[in-house]
Amino acid sequence: MSNLTVKDLEILQGNLNQAGLDYQLELDEGKILVIGPSDIVSSEVGVRYHSFSLCLG
């Protein structure tokens, strides 16, 4: 199995966008990770919570 490149990531992202799918893609050590919309929302909530807790601390 070959390692995927940034160009491969861009092609896949373009195909997903054309299909109307809202996925975040990441390239990690030659593998493309697909993160669904609900995962993105969860991570944004986590970041906001962490930022808020830093302000209080």
C-alpha atoms as a PDB file:
ATOM      1  CA  MET A   1       0.000   0.000   0.000  1.00  0.00           C
ATOM      2  CA  SER A   2       1.391   3.398  -0.964  1.00  0.00           C
ATOM      3  CA  ASN A   3       1.386   6.515   1.171  1.00  0.00           C
ATOM      4  CA  LEU A   4      -1.163   9.112   0.155  1.00  0.00           C
ATOM      5  CA  THR A   5      -0.157  12.699  -0.534  1.00  0.00           C
ATOM      6  CA  VAL A   6      -1.611  16.170  -0.058  1.00  0.00           C
ATOM      7  CA  LYS A   7      -2.671  16.031  -3.732  1.00  0.00           C
ATOM      8  CA  ASP A   8      -4.683  12.853  -3.015  1.00  0.00           C
ATOM      9  CA  LEU A   9      -6.281  14.616  -0.061  1.00  0.00           C
ATOM     10  CA  GLU A  10      -7.238  17.598  -2.233  1.00  0.00           C
ATOM     11  CA  ILE A  11      -8.798  15.335  -4.876  1.00  0.00           C
ATOM     12  CA  LEU A  12     -10.849  13.444  -2.293  1.00  0.00           C
ATOM     13  CA  GLN A  13     -11.973  16.686  -0.625  1.00  0.00           C
ATOM     14  CA  GLY A  14     -13.074  18.035  -4.015  1.00  0.00           C
ATOM     15  CA  ASN A  15     -15.073  14.880  -4.722  1.00  0.00           C
ATOM     16  CA  LEU A  16     -16.764  15.041  -1.329  1.00  0.00           C
ATOM     17  CA  ASN A  17     -17.597  18.729  -1.792  1.00  0.00           C
ATOM     18  CA  GLN A  18     -19.124  18.047  -5.223  1.00  0.00           C
ATOM     19  CA  ALA A  19     -21.271  15.323  -3.651  1.00  0.00           C
ATOM     20  CA  GLY A  20     -22.474  17.818  -1.035  1.00  0.00           C
ATOM     21  CA  LEU A  21     -20.815  15.960   1.834  1.00  0.00           C
ATOM     22  CA  ASP A  22     -19.379  17.985   4.694  1.00  0.00           C
ATOM     23  CA  TYR A  23     -16.424  16.018   5.999  1.00  0.00           C
ATOM     24  CA  GLN A  24     -13.141  17.223   7.393  1.00  0.00           C
ATOM     25  CA  LEU A  25     -10.147  15.289   6.093  1.00  0.00           C
ATOM     26  CA  GLU A  26      -6.723  14.980   7.655  1.00  0.00           C
ATOM     27  CA  LEU A  27      -3.533  13.443   6.313  1.00  0.00           C
ATOM     28  CA  ASP A  28      -1.673  11.463   8.977  1.00  0.00           C
ATOM     29  CA  GLU A  29       1.459   9.503   8.089  1.00  0.00           C
ATOM     30  CA  GLY A  30       0.275   8.823   4.544  1.00  0.00           C
ATOM     31  CA  LYS A  31      -3.275   7.888   5.570  1.00  0.00           C
ATOM     32  CA  ILE A  32      -6.364  10.006   5.046  1.00  0.00           C
ATOM     33  CA  LEU A  33      -8.572  10.276   8.111  1.00  0.00           C
ATOM     34  CA  VAL A  34     -12.209  11.194   7.537  1.00  0.00           C
ATOM     35  CA  ILE A  35     -13.926  13.072  10.328  1.00  0.00           C
ATOM     36  CA  GLY A  36     -17.698  13.305  10.153  1.00  0.00           C
ATOM     37  CA  PRO A  37     -19.644  16.482  10.904  1.00  0.00           C
ATOM     38  CA  SER A  38     -20.695  15.334  14.385  1.00  0.00           C
ATOM     39  CA  ASP A  39     -17.045  14.644  15.302  1.00  0.00           C
ATOM     40  CA  ILE A  40     -16.126  18.167  14.222  1.00  0.00           C
ATOM     41  CA  VAL A  41     -18.847  19.685  16.416  1.00  0.00           C
ATOM     42  CA  SER A  42     -17.725  17.571  19.366  1.00  0.00           C
ATOM     43  CA  SER A  43     -14.126  18.698  19.017  1.00  0.00           C
ATOM     44  CA  GLU A  44     -15.189  22.358  18.718  1.00  0.00           C
ATOM     45  CA  VAL A  45     -17.216  22.050  21.915  1.00  0.00           C
ATOM     46  CA  GLY A  46     -14.206  20.476  23.634  1.00  0.00           C
ATOM     47  CA  VAL A  47     -11.928  23.304  22.529  1.00  0.00           C
ATOM     48  CA  ARG A  48     -14.380  25.944  23.713  1.00  0.00           C
ATOM     49  CA  TYR A  49     -14.805  24.199  27.066  1.00  0.00           C
ATOM     50  CA  HIS A  50     -11.034  23.980  27.493  1.00  0.00           C
ATOM     51  CA  SER A  51     -10.620  27.668  26.596  1.00  0.00           C
ATOM     52  CA  PHE A  52     -13.353  28.623  29.045  1.00  0.00           C
ATOM     53  CA  SER A  53     -11.782  26.570  31.838  1.00  0.00           C
ATOM     54  CA  LEU A  54      -8.421  28.295  31.218  1.00  0.00           C
ATOM     55  CA  CYS A  55     -10.082  31.680  31.625  1.00  0.00           C
ATOM     56  CA  LEU A  56     -11.514  30.622  34.975  1.00  0.00           C
ATOM     57  CA  GLY A  57      -8.299  29.034  36.243  1.00  0.00           C
END
